[in-house]
Amino acid sequence: MADLFSPEWMQAFGEQWNAEPELADALAKIHFNSVIGYGFEHDPNPTGVLTIQEGRVTSAGAYNGEPLSWDLRADREHWQQWKAKGLNMMGLGMAYMSRKLQFRVGDYASMVKDPRMAGPFIKSFTVMSRV
């Protein structure tokens, strides 16, 4: 099994993302385009990155300094927990408020208020469990 957020892991995550209608198709309907970094809270930069165009992952791999729309950080233990058990809206709110999940870049408040984005965001944690 590839290490969390390694290039191989990000590739597999991207494939699973694109295979999930509640994620890729839902985001395609709102013409979602983004560059999302994933990493660990004490690192200066994210480890992995997904580029999303029209809801679908078009590239996935190591972070190489590209400008990010979202930069999500947590410690390894919490990522593993969310990967194993998923996350719901209440858990997301608690993780955000307690700073267990940090949005270094990106507007958490506007995302969570828009069900067209919040639902797929929550679904992305379920998709992580498939990698």
C-alpha atoms as a PDB file:
ATOM      1  CA  MET A   1       0.000   0.000   0.000  1.00  0.00           C
ATOM      2  CA  ALA A   2       1.357   3.400  -0.959  1.00  0.00           C
ATOM      3  CA  ASP A   3       2.054   5.939   1.769  1.00  0.00           C
ATOM      4  CA  LEU A   4      -0.662   8.509   2.415  1.00  0.00           C
ATOM      5  CA  PHE A   5      -0.433  11.396  -0.102  1.00  0.00           C
ATOM      6  CA  SER A   6       2.522   9.847  -1.971  1.00  0.00           C
ATOM      7  CA  PRO A   7       2.365  10.246  -5.772  1.00  0.00           C
ATOM      8  CA  GLU A   8       1.105   6.664  -6.102  1.00  0.00           C
ATOM      9  CA  TRP A   9      -1.527   7.196  -3.426  1.00  0.00           C
ATOM     10  CA  MET A  10      -2.660  10.459  -5.021  1.00  0.00           C
ATOM     11  CA  GLN A  11      -2.985   8.735  -8.414  1.00  0.00           C
ATOM     12  CA  ALA A  12      -5.199   6.037  -6.878  1.00  0.00           C
ATOM     13  CA  PHE A  13      -7.213   8.683  -5.013  1.00  0.00           C
ATOM     14  CA  GLY A  14      -7.735  10.566  -8.275  1.00  0.00           C
ATOM     15  CA  GLU A  15      -8.970   7.406 -10.008  1.00  0.00           C
ATOM     16  CA  GLN A  16     -11.400   6.690  -7.178  1.00  0.00           C
ATOM     17  CA  TRP A  17     -12.542  10.355  -7.187  1.00  0.00           C
ATOM     18  CA  ASN A  18     -13.384  10.171 -10.886  1.00  0.00           C
ATOM     19  CA  ALA A  19     -15.217   6.862 -10.395  1.00  0.00           C
ATOM     20  CA  GLU A  20     -17.535   8.306  -7.716  1.00  0.00           C
ATOM     21  CA  PRO A  21     -20.629   9.989  -9.195  1.00  0.00           C
ATOM     22  CA  GLU A  22     -21.493  11.743  -5.899  1.00  0.00           C
ATOM     23  CA  LEU A  23     -18.126  13.460  -6.125  1.00  0.00           C
ATOM     24  CA  ALA A  24     -17.020  13.904  -9.749  1.00  0.00           C
ATOM     25  CA  ASP A  25     -20.460  14.239 -11.339  1.00  0.00           C
ATOM     26  CA  ALA A  26     -21.788  16.451  -8.550  1.00  0.00           C
ATOM     27  CA  LEU A  27     -18.837  18.822  -8.901  1.00  0.00           C
ATOM     28  CA  ALA A  28     -19.055  18.768 -12.699  1.00  0.00           C
ATOM     29  CA  LYS A  29     -22.609  20.145 -12.413  1.00  0.00           C
ATOM     30  CA  ILE A  30     -21.259  23.285 -10.714  1.00  0.00           C
ATOM     31  CA  HIS A  31     -18.231  23.530 -13.031  1.00  0.00           C
ATOM     32  CA  PHE A  32     -15.843  23.023 -10.108  1.00  0.00           C
ATOM     33  CA  ASN A  33     -12.193  23.703 -10.998  1.00  0.00           C
ATOM     34  CA  SER A  34      -9.561  23.612  -8.298  1.00  0.00           C
ATOM     35  CA  VAL A  35      -6.069  22.632  -7.234  1.00  0.00           C
ATOM     36  CA  ILE A  36      -6.254  20.846  -3.884  1.00  0.00           C
ATOM     37  CA  GLY A  37      -3.216  20.187  -1.722  1.00  0.00           C
ATOM     38  CA  TYR A  38      -3.220  17.533   1.003  1.00  0.00           C
ATOM     39  CA  GLY A  39      -0.600  17.310   3.707  1.00  0.00           C
ATOM     40  CA  PHE A  40       0.454  17.226   7.298  1.00  0.00           C
ATOM     41  CA  GLU A  41       0.086  20.077   9.745  1.00  0.00           C
ATOM     42  CA  HIS A  42       3.771  20.595  10.583  1.00  0.00           C
ATOM     43  CA  ASP A  43       5.089  20.458   7.020  1.00  0.00           C
ATOM     44  CA  PRO A  44       5.714  23.755   5.214  1.00  0.00           C
ATOM     45  CA  ASN A  45       4.033  22.484   2.032  1.00  0.00           C
ATOM     46  CA  PRO A  46       1.382  19.913   1.194  1.00  0.00           C
ATOM     47  CA  THR A  47       2.583  16.462   0.194  1.00  0.00           C
ATOM     48  CA  GLY A  48       0.157  15.613  -2.584  1.00  0.00           C
ATOM     49  CA  VAL A  49      -2.029  17.551  -4.974  1.00  0.00           C
ATOM     50  CA  LEU A  50      -5.073  16.976  -7.166  1.00  0.00           C
ATOM     51  CA  THR A  51      -5.978  19.194 -10.103  1.00  0.00           C
ATOM     52  CA  ILE A  52      -9.714  19.196 -10.724  1.00  0.00           C
ATOM     53  CA  GLN A  53     -11.334  20.429 -13.936  1.00  0.00           C
ATOM     54  CA  GLU A  54     -15.099  20.333 -14.341  1.00  0.00           C
ATOM     55  CA  GLY A  55     -15.317  18.085 -11.257  1.00  0.00           C
ATOM     56  CA  ARG A  56     -12.836  15.450 -12.476  1.00  0.00           C
ATOM     57  CA  VAL A  57      -9.244  14.856 -11.457  1.00  0.00           C
ATOM     58  CA  THR A  58      -7.044  15.643 -14.443  1.00  0.00           C
ATOM     59  CA  SER A  59      -3.727  15.219 -12.636  1.00  0.00           C
ATOM     60  CA  ALA A  60      -2.637  13.792  -9.316  1.00  0.00           C
ATOM     61  CA  GLY A  61       0.764  13.477  -7.703  1.00  0.00           C
ATOM     62  CA  ALA A  62       3.380  15.211  -5.610  1.00  0.00           C
ATOM     63  CA  TYR A  63       3.040  18.893  -4.786  1.00  0.00           C
ATOM     64  CA  ASN A  64       5.444  20.897  -6.968  1.00  0.00           C
ATOM     65  CA  GLY A  65       4.782  24.469  -5.893  1.00  0.00           C
ATOM     66  CA  GLU A  66       1.677  25.039  -7.979  1.00  0.00           C
ATOM     67  CA  PRO A  67      -0.757  27.698  -6.702  1.00  0.00           C
ATOM     68  CA  LEU A  68      -3.439  26.066  -4.570  1.00  0.00           C
ATOM     69  CA  SER A  69      -7.155  26.737  -4.369  1.00  0.00           C
ATOM     70  CA  TRP A  70      -7.330  24.579  -1.225  1.00  0.00           C
ATOM     71  CA  ASP A  71      -4.617  23.384   1.152  1.00  0.00           C
ATOM     72  CA  LEU A  72      -5.902  20.834   3.667  1.00  0.00           C
ATOM     73  CA  ARG A  73      -3.748  19.832   6.628  1.00  0.00           C
ATOM     74  CA  ALA A  74      -4.035  17.525   9.620  1.00  0.00           C
ATOM     75  CA  ASP A  75      -1.765  15.231  11.563  1.00  0.00           C
ATOM     76  CA  ARG A  76      -1.209  11.701  10.243  1.00  0.00           C
ATOM     77  CA  GLU A  77      -3.365  10.133  12.969  1.00  0.00           C
ATOM     78  CA  HIS A  78      -6.426  12.188  12.069  1.00  0.00           C
ATOM     79  CA  TRP A  79      -5.997  11.628   8.323  1.00  0.00           C
ATOM     80  CA  GLN A  80      -5.818   7.884   8.995  1.00  0.00           C
ATOM     81  CA  GLN A  81      -8.916   8.065  11.201  1.00  0.00           C
ATOM     82  CA  TRP A  82     -10.924   9.968   8.569  1.00  0.00           C
ATOM     83  CA  LYS A  83      -9.635   7.656   5.864  1.00  0.00           C
ATOM     84  CA  ALA A  84     -10.823   4.630   7.843  1.00  0.00           C
ATOM     85  CA  LYS A  85     -14.136   5.983   9.146  1.00  0.00           C
ATOM     86  CA  GLY A  86     -15.038   8.825   6.820  1.00  0.00           C
ATOM     87  CA  LEU A  87     -16.348  12.153   8.027  1.00  0.00           C
ATOM     88  CA  ASN A  88     -19.845  13.621   8.316  1.00  0.00           C
ATOM     89  CA  MET A  89     -20.937  17.257   8.545  1.00  0.00           C
ATOM     90  CA  MET A  90     -20.863  17.285  12.345  1.00  0.00           C
ATOM     91  CA  GLY A  91     -17.424  15.665  12.397  1.00  0.00           C
ATOM     92  CA  LEU A  92     -16.197  18.134   9.790  1.00  0.00           C
ATOM     93  CA  GLY A  93     -17.386  21.078  11.870  1.00  0.00           C
ATOM     94  CA  MET A  94     -15.756  19.683  14.996  1.00  0.00           C
ATOM     95  CA  ALA A  95     -12.499  18.922  13.168  1.00  0.00           C
ATOM     96  CA  TYR A  96     -12.415  22.450  11.753  1.00  0.00           C
ATOM     97  CA  MET A  97     -13.286  24.201  15.026  1.00  0.00           C
ATOM     98  CA  SER A  98     -10.690  22.197  16.980  1.00  0.00           C
ATOM     99  CA  ARG A  99      -8.096  22.828  14.217  1.00  0.00           C
ATOM    100  CA  LYS A 100      -7.623  19.091  13.682  1.00  0.00           C
ATOM    101  CA  LEU A 101      -8.419  19.839  10.044  1.00  0.00           C
ATOM    102  CA  GLN A 102      -6.839  23.053   8.836  1.00  0.00           C
ATOM    103  CA  PHE A 103      -7.685  24.954   5.685  1.00  0.00           C
ATOM    104  CA  ARG A 104      -4.424  26.798   4.995  1.00  0.00           C
ATOM    105  CA  VAL A 105      -5.874  27.970   1.690  1.00  0.00           C
ATOM    106  CA  GLY A 106      -9.561  27.952   0.784  1.00  0.00           C
ATOM    107  CA  ASP A 107     -12.729  29.348   2.256  1.00  0.00           C
ATOM    108  CA  TYR A 108     -14.166  26.747   4.637  1.00  0.00           C
ATOM    109  CA  ALA A 109     -17.177  28.910   5.557  1.00  0.00           C
ATOM    110  CA  SER A 110     -18.374  29.442   1.985  1.00  0.00           C
ATOM    111  CA  MET A 111     -17.775  25.780   1.096  1.00  0.00           C
ATOM    112  CA  VAL A 112     -19.696  24.384   4.069  1.00  0.00           C
ATOM    113  CA  LYS A 113     -22.651  26.741   3.443  1.00  0.00           C
ATOM    114  CA  ASP A 114     -23.049  25.511  -0.145  1.00  0.00           C
ATOM    115  CA  PRO A 115     -24.540  21.989  -0.205  1.00  0.00           C
ATOM    116  CA  ARG A 116     -23.355  21.584  -3.802  1.00  0.00           C
ATOM    117  CA  MET A 117     -19.785  21.731  -2.465  1.00  0.00           C
ATOM    118  CA  ALA A 118     -20.177  20.472   1.114  1.00  0.00           C
ATOM    119  CA  GLY A 119     -21.711  17.142   0.100  1.00  0.00           C
ATOM    120  CA  PRO A 120     -18.945  16.246  -2.346  1.00  0.00           C
ATOM    121  CA  PHE A 121     -16.296  17.442   0.144  1.00  0.00           C
ATOM    122  CA  ILE A 122     -17.648  15.031   2.747  1.00  0.00           C
ATOM    123  CA  LYS A 123     -17.812  12.294   0.071  1.00  0.00           C
ATOM    124  CA  SER A 124     -14.113  12.812  -0.695  1.00  0.00           C
ATOM    125  CA  PHE A 125     -13.285  11.361   2.734  1.00  0.00           C
ATOM    126  CA  THR A 126     -15.308   8.241   1.927  1.00  0.00           C
ATOM    127  CA  VAL A 127     -13.448   7.962  -1.372  1.00  0.00           C
ATOM    128  CA  MET A 128     -10.121   8.135   0.512  1.00  0.00           C
ATOM    129  CA  SER A 129     -11.064   4.896   2.257  1.00  0.00           C
ATOM    130  CA  ARG A 130     -11.022   3.106  -1.100  1.00  0.00           C
ATOM    131  CA  VAL A 131      -7.336   3.832  -1.654  1.00  0.00           C
END
